[in-house]
Amino acid sequence: QVQLVESGGGLVQAGGSLRLSCAASGRDFSINTIGWYRQSPGKQRELVAGITTGGISGGRTTYGASVKGRFTISRDNGENTYLQMNSLKPEDTAVYYCNAEGVVRDGWPPEGFTSWGQGTQVTVSS
């Protein structure tokens, strides 16, 4: 299986910035899409940002309407994905989760997977 570990959450004042990281690990896998989601108490989990990897459409991004222009998702050459969050607002307070979908090839036949990280708390004070 593929494990995801988020980091970088914390407490920040409104208008500040945070950078979240998501590290993926496992055996012989490839990731097709990575997404950042968030969930606050009493609300459904929502997509914050997503990015495709590899192929012709690699690097294509999408953002939730409430974060467009403030948040940026990116990946490095390894298995790390980042969410740069600027101009943070109190309503951005939530637990942020990393999600990955792809293929695991350490067995036969290759299997698709969906993995979630454990989440990292982001709190924005007014």
Protein backbone atom coordinates (compact mmCIF):
# COMPACT_ATOMS: atom_id res chain seq x y z
CA GLN A 1 0.00 0.00 0.00
CA VAL A 2 0.91 3.65 -0.30
CA GLN A 3 1.25 5.77 2.83
CA LEU A 4 0.77 9.51 2.94
CA VAL A 5 2.07 11.74 5.71
CA GLU A 6 1.09 15.38 5.98
CA SER A 7 3.03 18.05 7.84
CA GLY A 8 3.24 21.81 8.14
CA GLY A 9 -0.01 22.62 9.87
CA GLY A 10 -0.23 24.97 12.81
CA LEU A 11 -1.63 28.19 14.19
CA VAL A 12 -1.32 31.38 12.17
CA GLN A 13 -2.91 34.80 12.25
CA ALA A 14 -5.29 35.93 9.55
CA GLY A 15 -3.38 37.18 6.54
CA GLY A 16 -0.47 34.87 7.23
CA SER A 17 0.88 31.92 5.29
CA LEU A 18 1.54 28.24 5.80
CA ARG A 19 3.02 25.54 3.60
CA LEU A 20 1.71 22.01 3.93
CA SER A 21 3.66 19.00 2.74
CA CYS A 22 2.50 15.51 1.79
CA ALA A 23 5.07 12.74 1.53
CA ALA A 24 4.15 9.50 -0.21
CA SER A 25 5.92 6.19 0.41
CA GLY A 26 5.47 2.58 -0.57
CA ARG A 27 6.74 -0.05 -2.99
CA ASP A 28 6.66 0.30 -6.75
CA PHE A 29 3.82 2.71 -7.15
CA SER A 30 2.93 5.63 -9.35
CA ILE A 31 0.54 8.44 -8.56
CA ASN A 32 -1.96 9.79 -11.06
CA THR A 33 -3.58 12.51 -8.99
CA ILE A 34 -2.90 14.19 -5.66
CA GLY A 35 -5.45 16.27 -3.88
CA TRP A 36 -5.65 18.37 -0.74
CA TYR A 37 -8.97 18.26 1.08
CA ARG A 38 -10.13 19.89 4.27
CA GLN A 39 -12.81 19.30 6.83
CA SER A 40 -13.99 21.48 9.67
CA PRO A 41 -16.44 20.46 12.43
CA GLY A 42 -19.97 20.02 11.16
CA LYS A 43 -18.97 20.34 7.52
CA GLN A 44 -18.35 17.89 4.74
CA ARG A 45 -14.84 17.24 3.49
CA GLU A 46 -14.17 19.50 0.53
CA LEU A 47 -11.57 19.62 -2.22
CA VAL A 48 -9.07 22.42 -1.74
CA ALA A 49 -6.67 21.74 -4.62
CA GLY A 50 -5.66 18.91 -6.92
CA ILE A 51 -2.90 18.16 -9.38
CA THR A 52 -2.39 15.49 -12.01
CA THR A 53 0.96 13.79 -12.52
CA GLY A 54 2.67 12.33 -15.55
CA GLY A 55 1.43 11.82 -19.08
CA ILE A 56 0.17 14.49 -21.43
CA SER A 57 -1.99 16.14 -18.79
CA GLY A 58 0.65 16.04 -16.06
CA GLY A 59 0.73 19.11 -13.86
CA ARG A 60 -2.86 20.15 -14.48
CA THR A 61 -4.29 21.81 -11.39
CA THR A 62 -7.69 22.58 -9.99
CA TYR A 63 -8.75 24.67 -6.98
CA GLY A 64 -11.79 25.12 -4.83
CA ALA A 65 -13.55 28.43 -5.43
CA SER A 66 -12.87 29.69 -1.91
CA VAL A 67 -9.09 29.29 -2.19
CA LYS A 68 -8.44 30.16 -5.82
CA GLY A 69 -5.80 32.87 -6.07
CA ARG A 70 -4.60 32.30 -2.51
CA PHE A 71 -3.48 28.66 -2.46
CA THR A 72 -1.03 26.91 -4.79
CA ILE A 73 -0.49 23.17 -5.16
CA SER A 74 2.81 21.86 -6.48
CA ARG A 75 4.94 18.72 -6.63
CA ASP A 76 8.68 18.13 -6.62
CA ASN A 77 10.60 15.51 -8.59
CA GLY A 78 10.14 12.97 -5.81
CA GLU A 79 6.99 11.92 -4.05
CA ASN A 80 6.29 15.17 -2.22
CA THR A 81 3.35 17.45 -2.80
CA TYR A 82 2.92 20.90 -1.31
CA LEU A 83 0.10 23.31 -0.61
CA GLN A 84 1.22 26.90 -0.26
CA MET A 85 -1.48 28.83 1.57
CA ASN A 86 -1.33 32.61 1.53
CA SER A 87 -3.69 35.31 2.79
CA LEU A 88 -5.20 32.84 5.23
CA LYS A 89 -8.63 33.53 6.67
CA PRO A 90 -10.31 32.22 9.83
CA GLU A 91 -12.67 30.23 7.60
CA ASP A 92 -9.67 28.27 6.32
CA THR A 93 -9.44 26.65 9.74
CA ALA A 94 -9.81 22.90 9.27
CA VAL A 95 -8.01 19.58 9.27
CA TYR A 96 -6.24 19.28 5.92
CA TYR A 97 -5.88 15.86 4.32
CA CYS A 98 -3.75 14.64 1.46
CA ASN A 99 -5.27 12.13 -0.96
CA ALA A 100 -3.54 10.19 -3.71
CA GLU A 101 -4.83 7.90 -6.43
CA GLY A 102 -2.62 5.76 -8.62
CA VAL A 103 -1.34 2.28 -9.35
CA VAL A 104 0.68 -0.19 -7.27
CA ARG A 105 2.85 -2.57 -9.30
CA ASP A 106 4.49 -4.75 -6.64
CA GLY A 107 2.14 -7.59 -7.47
CA TRP A 108 0.29 -8.96 -10.46
CA PRO A 109 -1.91 -7.63 -11.83
CA PRO A 110 -1.22 -3.99 -10.98
CA GLU A 111 -3.84 -2.54 -8.68
CA GLY A 112 -5.31 0.85 -8.39
CA PHE A 113 -5.21 2.52 -4.99
CA THR A 114 -6.64 5.46 -3.11
CA SER A 115 -4.86 6.59 0.02
CA TRP A 116 -5.49 9.25 2.63
CA GLY A 117 -3.10 10.81 5.08
CA GLN A 118 -3.88 11.25 8.76
CA GLY A 119 -4.50 14.97 8.42
CA THR A 120 -2.86 18.10 9.78
CA GLN A 121 -4.63 20.84 11.70
CA VAL A 122 -4.61 24.38 10.37
CA THR A 123 -5.97 27.08 12.66
CA VAL A 124 -6.27 30.69 11.54
CA SER A 125 -6.94 33.24 14.26
CA SER A 126 -8.72 36.51 13.61
